[in-house]
Amino acid sequence: SDELHEELRATCQVMSRSINSQAEFWIKMGRLAELNPDKTFTQL
């Protein structure tokens, strides 16, 4: 969505990542969270 793309754009600037790198990070962390529901973000 355009809304998610704007969130990516804002976040990637803060995190010093490209838009693609930020999206990849979010996808990877979301996948890990789904596979490991008992773990916190820090533990992941």
PDB file of all heavy atoms in Angstrom:
ATOM      1  N   SER A   1       0.832  -1.197   0.000  1.00  0.00           N
ATOM      2  CA  SER A   1       0.000   0.000   0.000  1.00  0.00           C
ATOM      3  C   SER A   1       0.872   1.255   0.000  1.00  0.00           C
ATOM      4  O   SER A   1       2.036   1.228   0.411  1.00  0.00           O
ATOM      5  CB  SER A   1      -0.910   0.011   1.228  1.00  0.00           C
ATOM      6  OG  SER A   1      -0.136   0.191   2.403  1.00  0.00           O
ATOM      7  N   ASP A   2       0.293   2.344  -0.456  1.00  0.00           N
ATOM      8  CA  ASP A   2       1.005   3.623  -0.432  1.00  0.00           C
ATOM      9  C   ASP A   2       1.358   4.017   1.000  1.00  0.00           C
ATOM     10  O   ASP A   2       2.435   4.559   1.256  1.00  0.00           O
ATOM     11  CB  ASP A   2       0.157   4.721  -1.076  1.00  0.00           C
ATOM     12  CG  ASP A   2       0.019   4.546  -2.580  1.00  0.00           C
ATOM     13  OD1 ASP A   2       0.862   3.837  -3.178  1.00  0.00           O
ATOM     14  OD2 ASP A   2      -0.925   5.119  -3.150  1.00  0.00           O
ATOM     15  N   GLU A   3       0.460   3.725   1.930  1.00  0.00           N
ATOM     16  CA  GLU A   3       0.701   4.054   3.339  1.00  0.00           C
ATOM     17  C   GLU A   3       1.922   3.312   3.880  1.00  0.00           C
ATOM     18  O   GLU A   3       2.791   3.901   4.530  1.00  0.00           O
ATOM     19  CB  GLU A   3      -0.534   3.706   4.174  1.00  0.00           C
ATOM     20  CG  GLU A   3      -0.386   4.030   5.642  1.00  0.00           C
ATOM     21  CD  GLU A   3      -1.620   3.657   6.446  1.00  0.00           C
ATOM     22  OE1 GLU A   3      -2.746   3.812   5.931  1.00  0.00           O
ATOM     23  OE2 GLU A   3      -1.441   3.211   7.584  1.00  0.00           O
ATOM     24  N   LEU A   4       2.004   2.011   3.606  1.00  0.00           N
ATOM     25  CA  LEU A   4       3.152   1.232   4.066  1.00  0.00           C
ATOM     26  C   LEU A   4       4.435   1.701   3.393  1.00  0.00           C
ATOM     27  O   LEU A   4       5.495   1.772   4.016  1.00  0.00           O
ATOM     28  CB  LEU A   4       2.932  -0.260   3.824  1.00  0.00           C
ATOM     29  CG  LEU A   4       4.017  -1.200   4.348  1.00  0.00           C
ATOM     30  CD1 LEU A   4       4.283  -0.991   5.838  1.00  0.00           C
ATOM     31  CD2 LEU A   4       3.638  -2.642   4.077  1.00  0.00           C
ATOM     32  N   HIS A   5       4.347   2.075   2.128  1.00  0.00           N
ATOM     33  CA  HIS A   5       5.520   2.576   1.417  1.00  0.00           C
ATOM     34  C   HIS A   5       6.027   3.866   2.068  1.00  0.00           C
ATOM     35  O   HIS A   5       7.240   4.053   2.219  1.00  0.00           O
ATOM     36  CB  HIS A   5       5.185   2.821  -0.066  1.00  0.00           C
ATOM     37  CG  HIS A   5       6.385   3.131  -0.877  1.00  0.00           C
ATOM     38  ND1 HIS A   5       6.828   4.405  -1.109  1.00  0.00           N
ATOM     39  CD2 HIS A   5       7.277   2.306  -1.494  1.00  0.00           C
ATOM     40  CE1 HIS A   5       7.923   4.371  -1.845  1.00  0.00           C
ATOM     41  NE2 HIS A   5       8.214   3.109  -2.094  1.00  0.00           N
ATOM     42  N   GLU A   6       5.129   4.735   2.474  1.00  0.00           N
ATOM     43  CA  GLU A   6       5.538   5.969   3.150  1.00  0.00           C
ATOM     44  C   GLU A   6       6.165   5.669   4.502  1.00  0.00           C
ATOM     45  O   GLU A   6       7.127   6.319   4.903  1.00  0.00           O
ATOM     46  CB  GLU A   6       4.353   6.931   3.282  1.00  0.00           C
ATOM     47  CG  GLU A   6       3.958   7.579   1.970  1.00  0.00           C
ATOM     48  CD  GLU A   6       5.123   8.277   1.268  1.00  0.00           C
ATOM     49  OE1 GLU A   6       5.890   9.013   1.921  1.00  0.00           O
ATOM     50  OE2 GLU A   6       5.287   8.059   0.053  1.00  0.00           O
ATOM     51  N   GLU A   7       5.623   4.675   5.231  1.00  0.00           N
ATOM     52  CA  GLU A   7       6.229   4.268   6.500  1.00  0.00           C
ATOM     53  C   GLU A   7       7.634   3.719   6.259  1.00  0.00           C
ATOM     54  O   GLU A   7       8.562   4.006   7.022  1.00  0.00           O
ATOM     55  CB  GLU A   7       5.366   3.213   7.192  1.00  0.00           C
ATOM     56  CG  GLU A   7       4.075   3.765   7.771  1.00  0.00           C
ATOM     57  CD  GLU A   7       3.265   2.681   8.455  1.00  0.00           C
ATOM     58  OE1 GLU A   7       3.861   1.817   9.148  1.00  0.00           O
ATOM     59  OE2 GLU A   7       2.033   2.697   8.303  1.00  0.00           O
ATOM     60  N   LEU A   8       7.793   2.937   5.203  1.00  0.00           N
ATOM     61  CA  LEU A   8       9.119   2.425   4.847  1.00  0.00           C
ATOM     62  C   LEU A   8      10.081   3.560   4.542  1.00  0.00           C
ATOM     63  O   LEU A   8      11.225   3.565   5.002  1.00  0.00           O
ATOM     64  CB  LEU A   8       9.028   1.520   3.618  1.00  0.00           C
ATOM     65  CG  LEU A   8       8.762   0.060   3.845  1.00  0.00           C
ATOM     66  CD1 LEU A   8       8.425  -0.629   2.535  1.00  0.00           C
ATOM     67  CD2 LEU A   8       9.940  -0.603   4.505  1.00  0.00           C
ATOM     68  N   ARG A   9       9.615   4.511   3.746  1.00  0.00           N
ATOM     69  CA  ARG A   9      10.460   5.646   3.360  1.00  0.00           C
ATOM     70  C   ARG A   9      10.942   6.414   4.601  1.00  0.00           C
ATOM     71  O   ARG A   9      12.126   6.730   4.730  1.00  0.00           O
ATOM     72  CB  ARG A   9       9.698   6.576   2.422  1.00  0.00           C
ATOM     73  CG  ARG A   9      10.543   7.712   1.874  1.00  0.00           C
ATOM     74  CD  ARG A   9       9.759   8.591   0.916  1.00  0.00           C
ATOM     75  NE  ARG A   9       9.224   7.865  -0.222  1.00  0.00           N
ATOM     76  CZ  ARG A   9       9.928   7.494  -1.298  1.00  0.00           C
ATOM     77  NH1 ARG A   9      11.206   7.790  -1.375  1.00  0.00           N
ATOM     78  NH2 ARG A   9       9.358   6.852  -2.292  1.00  0.00           N
ATOM     79  N   ALA A  10      10.039   6.691   5.527  1.00  0.00           N
ATOM     80  CA  ALA A  10      10.403   7.430   6.739  1.00  0.00           C
ATOM     81  C   ALA A  10      11.354   6.614   7.618  1.00  0.00           C
ATOM     82  O   ALA A  10      12.362   7.125   8.108  1.00  0.00           O
ATOM     83  CB  ALA A  10       9.142   7.807   7.525  1.00  0.00           C
ATOM     84  N   THR A  11      11.034   5.339   7.792  1.00  0.00           N
ATOM     85  CA  THR A  11      11.848   4.491   8.666  1.00  0.00           C
ATOM     86  C   THR A  11      13.231   4.248   8.089  1.00  0.00           C
ATOM     87  O   THR A  11      14.223   4.241   8.825  1.00  0.00           O
ATOM     88  CB  THR A  11      11.136   3.150   8.918  1.00  0.00           C
ATOM     89  OG1 THR A  11       9.842   3.409   9.462  1.00  0.00           O
ATOM     90  CG2 THR A  11      11.918   2.283   9.887  1.00  0.00           C
ATOM     91  N   CYS A  12      13.327   4.057   6.791  1.00  0.00           N
ATOM     92  CA  CYS A  12      14.640   3.769   6.204  1.00  0.00           C
ATOM     93  C   CYS A  12      15.588   4.949   6.376  1.00  0.00           C
ATOM     94  O   CYS A  12      16.786   4.761   6.540  1.00  0.00           O
ATOM     95  CB  CYS A  12      14.523   3.356   4.749  1.00  0.00           C
ATOM     96  SG  CYS A  12      14.220   4.678   3.566  1.00  0.00           S
ATOM     97  N   GLN A  13      15.063   6.163   6.370  1.00  0.00           N
ATOM     98  CA  GLN A  13      15.915   7.335   6.583  1.00  0.00           C
ATOM     99  C   GLN A  13      16.436   7.370   8.013  1.00  0.00           C
ATOM    100  O   GLN A  13      17.614   7.649   8.250  1.00  0.00           O
ATOM    101  CB  GLN A  13      15.155   8.609   6.246  1.00  0.00           C
ATOM    102  CG  GLN A  13      14.877   8.734   4.767  1.00  0.00           C
ATOM    103  CD  GLN A  13      14.019   9.935   4.427  1.00  0.00           C
ATOM    104  OE1 GLN A  13      13.595  10.687   5.298  1.00  0.00           O
ATOM    105  NE2 GLN A  13      13.766  10.121   3.141  1.00  0.00           N
ATOM    106  N   VAL A  14      15.580   7.047   8.967  1.00  0.00           N
ATOM    107  CA  VAL A  14      15.988   7.040  10.371  1.00  0.00           C
ATOM    108  C   VAL A  14      16.999   5.927  10.638  1.00  0.00           C
ATOM    109  O   VAL A  14      17.968   6.116  11.370  1.00  0.00           O
ATOM    110  CB  VAL A  14      14.753   6.874  11.294  1.00  0.00           C
ATOM    111  CG1 VAL A  14      15.160   6.662  12.734  1.00  0.00           C
ATOM    112  CG2 VAL A  14      13.833   8.081  11.169  1.00  0.00           C
ATOM    113  N   MET A  15      16.776   4.767  10.017  1.00  0.00           N
ATOM    114  CA  MET A  15      17.627   3.604  10.268  1.00  0.00           C
ATOM    115  C   MET A  15      18.835   3.522   9.326  1.00  0.00           C
ATOM    116  O   MET A  15      19.603   2.570   9.395  1.00  0.00           O
ATOM    117  CB  MET A  15      16.789   2.317  10.148  1.00  0.00           C
ATOM    118  CG  MET A  15      15.617   2.261  11.114  1.00  0.00           C
ATOM    119  SD  MET A  15      16.087   2.418  12.850  1.00  0.00           S
ATOM    120  CE  MET A  15      16.948   0.888  13.085  1.00  0.00           C
ATOM    121  N   SER A  16      18.987   4.505   8.444  1.00  0.00           N
ATOM    122  CA  SER A  16      20.099   4.530   7.481  1.00  0.00           C
ATOM    123  C   SER A  16      20.143   3.276   6.610  1.00  0.00           C
ATOM    124  O   SER A  16      21.195   2.677   6.396  1.00  0.00           O
ATOM    125  CB  SER A  16      21.434   4.711   8.206  1.00  0.00           C
ATOM    126  OG  SER A  16      21.464   5.930   8.888  1.00  0.00           O
ATOM    127  N   ARG A  17      18.970   2.887   6.123  1.00  0.00           N
ATOM    128  CA  ARG A  17      18.864   1.748   5.219  1.00  0.00           C
ATOM    129  C   ARG A  17      18.174   2.219   3.947  1.00  0.00           C
ATOM    130  O   ARG A  17      17.456   3.208   3.955  1.00  0.00           O
ATOM    131  CB  ARG A  17      18.004   0.634   5.825  1.00  0.00           C
ATOM    132  CG  ARG A  17      18.560  -0.018   7.061  1.00  0.00           C
ATOM    133  CD  ARG A  17      17.624  -1.131   7.540  1.00  0.00           C
ATOM    134  NE  ARG A  17      18.190  -1.821   8.672  1.00  0.00           N
ATOM    135  CZ  ARG A  17      17.591  -1.962   9.838  1.00  0.00           C
ATOM    136  NH1 ARG A  17      16.387  -1.480  10.033  1.00  0.00           N
ATOM    137  NH2 ARG A  17      18.182  -2.613  10.814  1.00  0.00           N
ATOM    138  N   SER A  18      18.361   1.474   2.880  1.00  0.00           N
ATOM    139  CA  SER A  18      17.581   1.739   1.674  1.00  0.00           C
ATOM    140  C   SER A  18      16.150   1.264   1.924  1.00  0.00           C
ATOM    141  O   SER A  18      15.883   0.502   2.871  1.00  0.00           O
ATOM    142  CB  SER A  18      18.171   0.990   0.482  1.00  0.00           C
ATOM    143  OG  SER A  18      17.981  -0.406   0.638  1.00  0.00           O
ATOM    144  N   ILE A  19      15.229   1.708   1.073  1.00  0.00           N
ATOM    145  CA  ILE A  19      13.844   1.253   1.212  1.00  0.00           C
ATOM    146  C   ILE A  19      13.783  -0.271   1.099  1.00  0.00           C
ATOM    147  O   ILE A  19      13.113  -0.935   1.896  1.00  0.00           O
ATOM    148  CB  ILE A  19      12.935   1.929   0.170  1.00  0.00           C
ATOM    149  CG1 ILE A  19      12.772   3.413   0.499  1.00  0.00           C
ATOM    150  CG2 ILE A  19      11.573   1.250   0.097  1.00  0.00           C
ATOM    151  CD1 ILE A  19      11.977   4.193  -0.525  1.00  0.00           C
ATOM    152  N   ASN A  20      14.488  -0.832   0.125  1.00  0.00           N
ATOM    153  CA  ASN A  20      14.479  -2.285  -0.043  1.00  0.00           C
ATOM    154  C   ASN A  20      15.069  -3.003   1.166  1.00  0.00           C
ATOM    155  O   ASN A  20      14.549  -4.036   1.594  1.00  0.00           O
ATOM    156  CB  ASN A  20      15.228  -2.694  -1.308  1.00  0.00           C
ATOM    157  CG  ASN A  20      14.468  -2.363  -2.558  1.00  0.00           C
ATOM    158  OD1 ASN A  20      13.258  -2.126  -2.527  1.00  0.00           O
ATOM    159  ND2 ASN A  20      15.159  -2.338  -3.682  1.00  0.00           N
ATOM    160  N   SER A  21      16.152  -2.472   1.720  1.00  0.00           N
ATOM    161  CA  SER A  21      16.770  -3.095   2.901  1.00  0.00           C
ATOM    162  C   SER A  21      15.841  -3.040   4.105  1.00  0.00           C
ATOM    163  O   SER A  21      15.758  -3.999   4.879  1.00  0.00           O
ATOM    164  CB  SER A  21      18.097  -2.426   3.241  1.00  0.00           C
ATOM    165  OG  SER A  21      19.043  -2.684   2.248  1.00  0.00           O
ATOM    166  N   GLN A  22      15.143  -1.918   4.267  1.00  0.00           N
ATOM    167  CA  GLN A  22      14.207  -1.799   5.388  1.00  0.00           C
ATOM    168  C   GLN A  22      13.055  -2.778   5.222  1.00  0.00           C
ATOM    169  O   GLN A  22      12.659  -3.454   6.176  1.00  0.00           O
ATOM    170  CB  GLN A  22      13.674  -0.376   5.512  1.00  0.00           C
ATOM    171  CG  GLN A  22      12.796  -0.153   6.734  1.00  0.00           C
ATOM    172  CD  GLN A  22      13.550  -0.348   8.031  1.00  0.00           C
ATOM    173  OE1 GLN A  22      14.665   0.154   8.187  1.00  0.00           O
ATOM    174  NE2 GLN A  22      12.971  -1.074   8.959  1.00  0.00           N
ATOM    175  N   ALA A  23      12.514  -2.876   4.009  1.00  0.00           N
ATOM    176  CA  ALA A  23      11.420  -3.825   3.760  1.00  0.00           C
ATOM    177  C   ALA A  23      11.890  -5.253   4.016  1.00  0.00           C
ATOM    178  O   ALA A  23      11.180  -6.048   4.641  1.00  0.00           O
ATOM    179  CB  ALA A  23      10.910  -3.666   2.333  1.00  0.00           C
ATOM    180  N   GLU A  24      13.087  -5.580   3.556  1.00  0.00           N
ATOM    181  CA  GLU A  24      13.631  -6.921   3.777  1.00  0.00           C
ATOM    182  C   GLU A  24      13.790  -7.210   5.263  1.00  0.00           C
ATOM    183  O   GLU A  24      13.469  -8.308   5.731  1.00  0.00           O
ATOM    184  CB  GLU A  24      14.978  -7.062   3.066  1.00  0.00           C
ATOM    185  CG  GLU A  24      15.553  -8.452   3.123  1.00  0.00           C
ATOM    186  CD  GLU A  24      16.835  -8.587   2.324  1.00  0.00           C
ATOM    187  OE1 GLU A  24      16.998  -7.880   1.321  1.00  0.00           O
ATOM    188  OE2 GLU A  24      17.674  -9.411   2.728  1.00  0.00           O
ATOM    189  N   PHE A  25      14.253  -6.224   6.021  1.00  0.00           N
ATOM    190  CA  PHE A  25      14.410  -6.396   7.467  1.00  0.00           C
ATOM    191  C   PHE A  25      13.064  -6.667   8.114  1.00  0.00           C
ATOM    192  O   PHE A  25      12.920  -7.595   8.918  1.00  0.00           O
ATOM    193  CB  PHE A  25      15.072  -5.157   8.079  1.00  0.00           C
ATOM    194  CG  PHE A  25      15.205  -5.227   9.572  1.00  0.00           C
ATOM    195  CD1 PHE A  25      16.164  -6.030  10.165  1.00  0.00           C
ATOM    196  CD2 PHE A  25      14.364  -4.489  10.393  1.00  0.00           C
ATOM    197  CE1 PHE A  25      16.291  -6.106  11.552  1.00  0.00           C
ATOM    198  CE2 PHE A  25      14.481  -4.548  11.763  1.00  0.00           C
ATOM    199  CZ  PHE A  25      15.439  -5.361  12.342  1.00  0.00           C
ATOM    200  N   TRP A  26      12.061  -5.855   7.778  1.00  0.00           N
ATOM    201  CA  TRP A  26      10.723  -6.059   8.351  1.00  0.00           C
ATOM    202  C   TRP A  26      10.159  -7.427   7.978  1.00  0.00           C
ATOM    203  O   TRP A  26       9.567  -8.104   8.810  1.00  0.00           O
ATOM    204  CB  TRP A  26       9.773  -4.965   7.894  1.00  0.00           C
ATOM    205  CG  TRP A  26       9.916  -3.669   8.634  1.00  0.00           C
ATOM    206  CD1 TRP A  26      10.714  -3.410   9.718  1.00  0.00           C
ATOM    207  CD2 TRP A  26       9.254  -2.446   8.343  1.00  0.00           C
ATOM    208  NE1 TRP A  26      10.579  -2.103  10.110  1.00  0.00           N
ATOM    209  CE2 TRP A  26       9.684  -1.489   9.283  1.00  0.00           C
ATOM    210  CE3 TRP A  26       8.333  -2.072   7.366  1.00  0.00           C
ATOM    211  CZ2 TRP A  26       9.218  -0.183   9.287  1.00  0.00           C
ATOM    212  CZ3 TRP A  26       7.871  -0.764   7.371  1.00  0.00           C
ATOM    213  CH2 TRP A  26       8.310   0.165   8.324  1.00  0.00           C
ATOM    214  N   ILE A  27      10.343  -7.844   6.744  1.00  0.00           N
ATOM    215  CA  ILE A  27       9.840  -9.147   6.305  1.00  0.00           C
ATOM    216  C   ILE A  27      10.545 -10.262   7.074  1.00  0.00           C
ATOM    217  O   ILE A  27       9.909 -11.199   7.569  1.00  0.00           O
ATOM    218  CB  ILE A  27      10.018  -9.320   4.783  1.00  0.00           C
ATOM    219  CG1 ILE A  27       9.059  -8.387   4.034  1.00  0.00           C
ATOM    220  CG2 ILE A  27       9.820 -10.770   4.367  1.00  0.00           C
ATOM    221  CD1 ILE A  27       9.372  -8.245   2.547  1.00  0.00           C
ATOM    222  N   LYS A  28      11.867 -10.155   7.179  1.00  0.00           N
ATOM    223  CA  LYS A  28      12.630 -11.182   7.880  1.00  0.00           C
ATOM    224  C   LYS A  28      12.230 -11.266   9.348  1.00  0.00           C
ATOM    225  O   LYS A  28      12.010 -12.357   9.881  1.00  0.00           O
ATOM    226  CB  LYS A  28      14.133 -10.891   7.765  1.00  0.00           C
ATOM    227  CG  LYS A  28      15.002 -11.933   8.417  1.00  0.00           C
ATOM    228  CD  LYS A  28      16.475 -11.634   8.191  1.00  0.00           C
ATOM    229  CE  LYS A  28      17.331 -12.753   8.725  1.00  0.00           C
ATOM    230  NZ  LYS A  28      18.746 -12.542   8.428  1.00  0.00           N
ATOM    231  N   MET A  29      12.116 -10.124  10.007  1.00  0.00           N
ATOM    232  CA  MET A  29      11.765 -10.126  11.425  1.00  0.00           C
ATOM    233  C   MET A  29      10.335 -10.623  11.639  1.00  0.00           C
ATOM    234  O   MET A  29      10.055 -11.339  12.601  1.00  0.00           O
ATOM    235  CB  MET A  29      11.964  -8.739  12.036  1.00  0.00           C
ATOM    236  CG  MET A  29      13.418  -8.283  12.078  1.00  0.00           C
ATOM    237  SD  MET A  29      14.587  -9.505  12.769  1.00  0.00           S
ATOM    238  CE  MET A  29      13.977  -9.670  14.428  1.00  0.00           C
ATOM    239  N   GLY A  30       9.436 -10.260  10.742  1.00  0.00           N
ATOM    240  CA  GLY A  30       8.064 -10.755  10.843  1.00  0.00           C
ATOM    241  C   GLY A  30       8.000 -12.261  10.693  1.00  0.00           C
ATOM    242  O   GLY A  30       7.278 -12.948  11.429  1.00  0.00           O
ATOM    243  N   ARG A  31       8.770 -12.779   9.756  1.00  0.00           N
ATOM    244  CA  ARG A  31       8.824 -14.229   9.548  1.00  0.00           C
ATOM    245  C   ARG A  31       9.398 -14.921  10.778  1.00  0.00           C
ATOM    246  O   ARG A  31       8.855 -15.927  11.254  1.00  0.00           O
ATOM    247  CB  ARG A  31       9.680 -14.552   8.326  1.00  0.00           C
ATOM    248  CG  ARG A  31       9.750 -16.017   8.005  1.00  0.00           C
ATOM    249  CD  ARG A  31      10.527 -16.239   6.685  1.00  0.00           C
ATOM    250  NE  ARG A  31      10.654 -17.639   6.407  1.00  0.00           N
ATOM    251  CZ  ARG A  31      11.625 -18.421   6.872  1.00  0.00           C
ATOM    252  NH1 ARG A  31      12.578 -17.904   7.636  1.00  0.00           N
ATOM    253  NH2 ARG A  31      11.667 -19.700   6.581  1.00  0.00           N
ATOM    254  N   LEU A  32      10.484 -14.384  11.309  1.00  0.00           N
ATOM    255  CA  LEU A  32      11.078 -14.972  12.520  1.00  0.00           C
ATOM    256  C   LEU A  32      10.117 -14.908  13.698  1.00  0.00           C
ATOM    257  O   LEU A  32      10.033 -15.852  14.486  1.00  0.00           O
ATOM    258  CB  LEU A  32      12.388 -14.256  12.865  1.00  0.00           C
ATOM    259  CG  LEU A  32      13.573 -14.547  11.947  1.00  0.00           C
ATOM    260  CD1 LEU A  32      14.744 -13.623  12.280  1.00  0.00           C
ATOM    261  CD2 LEU A  32      13.986 -16.009  12.051  1.00  0.00           C
ATOM    262  N   ALA A  33       9.371 -13.813  13.809  1.00  0.00           N
ATOM    263  CA  ALA A  33       8.405 -13.678  14.902  1.00  0.00           C
ATOM    264  C   ALA A  33       7.290 -14.718  14.774  1.00  0.00           C
ATOM    265  O   ALA A  33       6.856 -15.305  15.775  1.00  0.00           O
ATOM    266  CB  ALA A  33       7.824 -12.269  14.918  1.00  0.00           C
ATOM    267  N   GLU A  34       6.834 -14.958  13.553  1.00  0.00           N
ATOM    268  CA  GLU A  34       5.796 -15.967  13.350  1.00  0.00           C
ATOM    269  C   GLU A  34       6.312 -17.370  13.645  1.00  0.00           C
ATOM    270  O   GLU A  34       5.586 -18.205  14.180  1.00  0.00           O
ATOM    271  CB  GLU A  34       5.258 -15.913  11.921  1.00  0.00           C
ATOM    272  CG  GLU A  34       4.335 -14.748  11.677  1.00  0.00           C
ATOM    273  CD  GLU A  34       3.690 -14.784  10.307  1.00  0.00           C
ATOM    274  OE1 GLU A  34       4.119 -15.592   9.431  1.00  0.00           O
ATOM    275  OE2 GLU A  34       2.753 -13.989  10.098  1.00  0.00           O
ATOM    276  N   LEU A  35       7.566 -17.637  13.305  1.00  0.00           N
ATOM    277  CA  LEU A  35       8.144 -18.950  13.548  1.00  0.00           C
ATOM    278  C   LEU A  35       8.544 -19.172  15.008  1.00  0.00           C
ATOM    279  O   LEU A  35       8.706 -20.308  15.442  1.00  0.00           O
ATOM    280  CB  LEU A  35       9.378 -19.160  12.654  1.00  0.00           C
ATOM    281  CG  LEU A  35       9.098 -19.252  11.152  1.00  0.00           C
ATOM    282  CD1 LEU A  35      10.408 -19.263  10.373  1.00  0.00           C
ATOM    283  CD2 LEU A  35       8.263 -20.489  10.836  1.00  0.00           C
ATOM    284  N   ASN A  36       8.720 -18.073  15.745  1.00  0.00           N
ATOM    285  CA  ASN A  36       9.177 -18.138  17.146  1.00  0.00           C
ATOM    286  C   ASN A  36       8.299 -17.239  18.023  1.00  0.00           C
ATOM    287  O   ASN A  36       8.790 -16.254  18.585  1.00  0.00           O
ATOM    288  CB  ASN A  36      10.634 -17.681  17.242  1.00  0.00           C
ATOM    289  CG  ASN A  36      11.561 -18.521  16.400  1.00  0.00           C
ATOM    290  OD1 ASN A  36      11.931 -19.620  16.785  1.00  0.00           O
ATOM    291  ND2 ASN A  36      11.923 -18.014  15.237  1.00  0.00           N
ATOM    292  N   PRO A  37       7.025 -17.559  18.165  1.00  0.00           N
ATOM    293  CA  PRO A  37       6.121 -16.665  18.894  1.00  0.00           C
ATOM    294  C   PRO A  37       6.460 -16.486  20.374  1.00  0.00           C
ATOM    295  O   PRO A  37       6.000 -15.535  21.004  1.00  0.00           O
ATOM    296  CB  PRO A  37       4.749 -17.324  18.720  1.00  0.00           C
ATOM    297  CG  PRO A  37       5.037 -18.758  18.424  1.00  0.00           C
ATOM    298  CD  PRO A  37       6.354 -18.759  17.704  1.00  0.00           C
ATOM    299  N   ASP A  38       7.289 -17.366  20.916  1.00  0.00           N
ATOM    300  CA  ASP A  38       7.674 -17.273  22.320  1.00  0.00           C
ATOM    301  C   ASP A  38       8.849 -16.335  22.559  1.00  0.00           C
ATOM    302  O   ASP A  38       9.187 -16.037  23.695  1.00  0.00           O
ATOM    303  CB  ASP A  38       8.023 -18.663  22.857  1.00  0.00           C
ATOM    304  CG  ASP A  38       9.153 -19.318  22.073  1.00  0.00           C
ATOM    305  OD1 ASP A  38       9.177 -19.161  20.825  1.00  0.00           O
ATOM    306  OD2 ASP A  38       9.999 -19.986  22.686  1.00  0.00           O
ATOM    307  N   LYS A  39       9.480 -15.840  21.502  1.00  0.00           N
ATOM    308  CA  LYS A  39      10.663 -14.989  21.648  1.00  0.00           C
ATOM    309  C   LYS A  39      10.314 -13.509  21.458  1.00  0.00           C
ATOM    310  O   LYS A  39       9.451 -13.153  20.670  1.00  0.00           O
ATOM    311  CB  LYS A  39      11.726 -15.384  20.626  1.00  0.00           C
ATOM    312  CG  LYS A  39      12.295 -16.772  20.847  1.00  0.00           C
ATOM    313  CD  LYS A  39      13.558 -16.948  20.072  1.00  0.00           C
ATOM    314  CE  LYS A  39      14.219 -18.267  20.174  1.00  0.00           C
ATOM    315  NZ  LYS A  39      14.052 -19.063  21.324  1.00  0.00           N
ATOM    316  N   THR A  40      11.047 -12.667  22.187  1.00  0.00           N
ATOM    317  CA  THR A  40      10.889 -11.223  22.042  1.00  0.00           C
ATOM    318  C   THR A  40      11.718 -10.747  20.845  1.00  0.00           C
ATOM    319  O   THR A  40      12.570 -11.487  20.327  1.00  0.00           O
ATOM    320  CB  THR A  40      11.387 -10.480  23.293  1.00  0.00           C
ATOM    321  OG1 THR A  40      12.805 -10.699  23.423  1.00  0.00           O
ATOM    322  CG2 THR A  40      10.673 -10.941  24.556  1.00  0.00           C
ATOM    323  N   PHE A  41      11.494  -9.513  20.444  1.00  0.00           N
ATOM    324  CA  PHE A  41      12.287  -8.918  19.362  1.00  0.00           C
ATOM    325  C   PHE A  41      13.769  -8.977  19.709  1.00  0.00           C
ATOM    326  O   PHE A  41      14.598  -9.359  18.880  1.00  0.00           O
ATOM    327  CB  PHE A  41      11.835  -7.470  19.132  1.00  0.00           C
ATOM    328  CG  PHE A  41      12.649  -6.747  18.104  1.00  0.00           C
ATOM    329  CD1 PHE A  41      12.434  -6.969  16.749  1.00  0.00           C
ATOM    330  CD2 PHE A  41      13.628  -5.843  18.483  1.00  0.00           C
ATOM    331  CE1 PHE A  41      13.192  -6.298  15.784  1.00  0.00           C
ATOM    332  CE2 PHE A  41      14.380  -5.163  17.531  1.00  0.00           C
ATOM    333  CZ  PHE A  41      14.161  -5.402  16.192  1.00  0.00           C
ATOM    334  N   THR A  42      14.114  -8.616  20.935  1.00  0.00           N
ATOM    335  CA  THR A  42      15.517  -8.635  21.368  1.00  0.00           C
ATOM    336  C   THR A  42      16.100 -10.040  21.277  1.00  0.00           C
ATOM    337  O   THR A  42      17.236 -10.219  20.822  1.00  0.00           O
ATOM    338  CB  THR A  42      15.643  -8.090  22.804  1.00  0.00           C
ATOM    339  OG1 THR A  42      15.136  -6.759  22.830  1.00  0.00           O
ATOM    340  CG2 THR A  42      17.085  -8.101  23.283  1.00  0.00           C
ATOM    341  N   GLN A  43      15.346 -11.047  21.670  1.00  0.00           N
ATOM    342  CA  GLN A  43      15.830 -12.420  21.583  1.00  0.00           C
ATOM    343  C   GLN A  43      16.035 -12.847  20.134  1.00  0.00           C
ATOM    344  O   GLN A  43      16.995 -13.559  19.829  1.00  0.00           O
ATOM    345  CB  GLN A  43      14.847 -13.369  22.278  1.00  0.00           C
ATOM    346  CG  GLN A  43      14.833 -13.225  23.781  1.00  0.00           C
ATOM    347  CD  GLN A  43      13.704 -13.993  24.434  1.00  0.00           C
ATOM    348  OE1 GLN A  43      12.606 -14.110  23.871  1.00  0.00           O
ATOM    349  NE2 GLN A  43      13.957 -14.522  25.624  1.00  0.00           N
ATOM    350  N   LEU A  44      15.147 -12.418  19.256  1.00  0.00           N
ATOM    351  CA  LEU A  44      15.307 -12.740  17.842  1.00  0.00           C
ATOM    352  C   LEU A  44      16.579 -12.105  17.274  1.00  0.00           C
ATOM    353  O   LEU A  44      17.334 -12.753  16.544  1.00  0.00           O
ATOM    354  CB  LEU A  44      14.091 -12.277  17.042  1.00  0.00           C
ATOM    355  CG  LEU A  44      12.783 -13.018  17.325  1.00  0.00           C
ATOM    356  CD1 LEU A  44      11.629 -12.328  16.610  1.00  0.00           C
ATOM    357  CD2 LEU A  44      12.885 -14.481  16.934  1.00  0.00           C
TER     358      LEU A  44
END
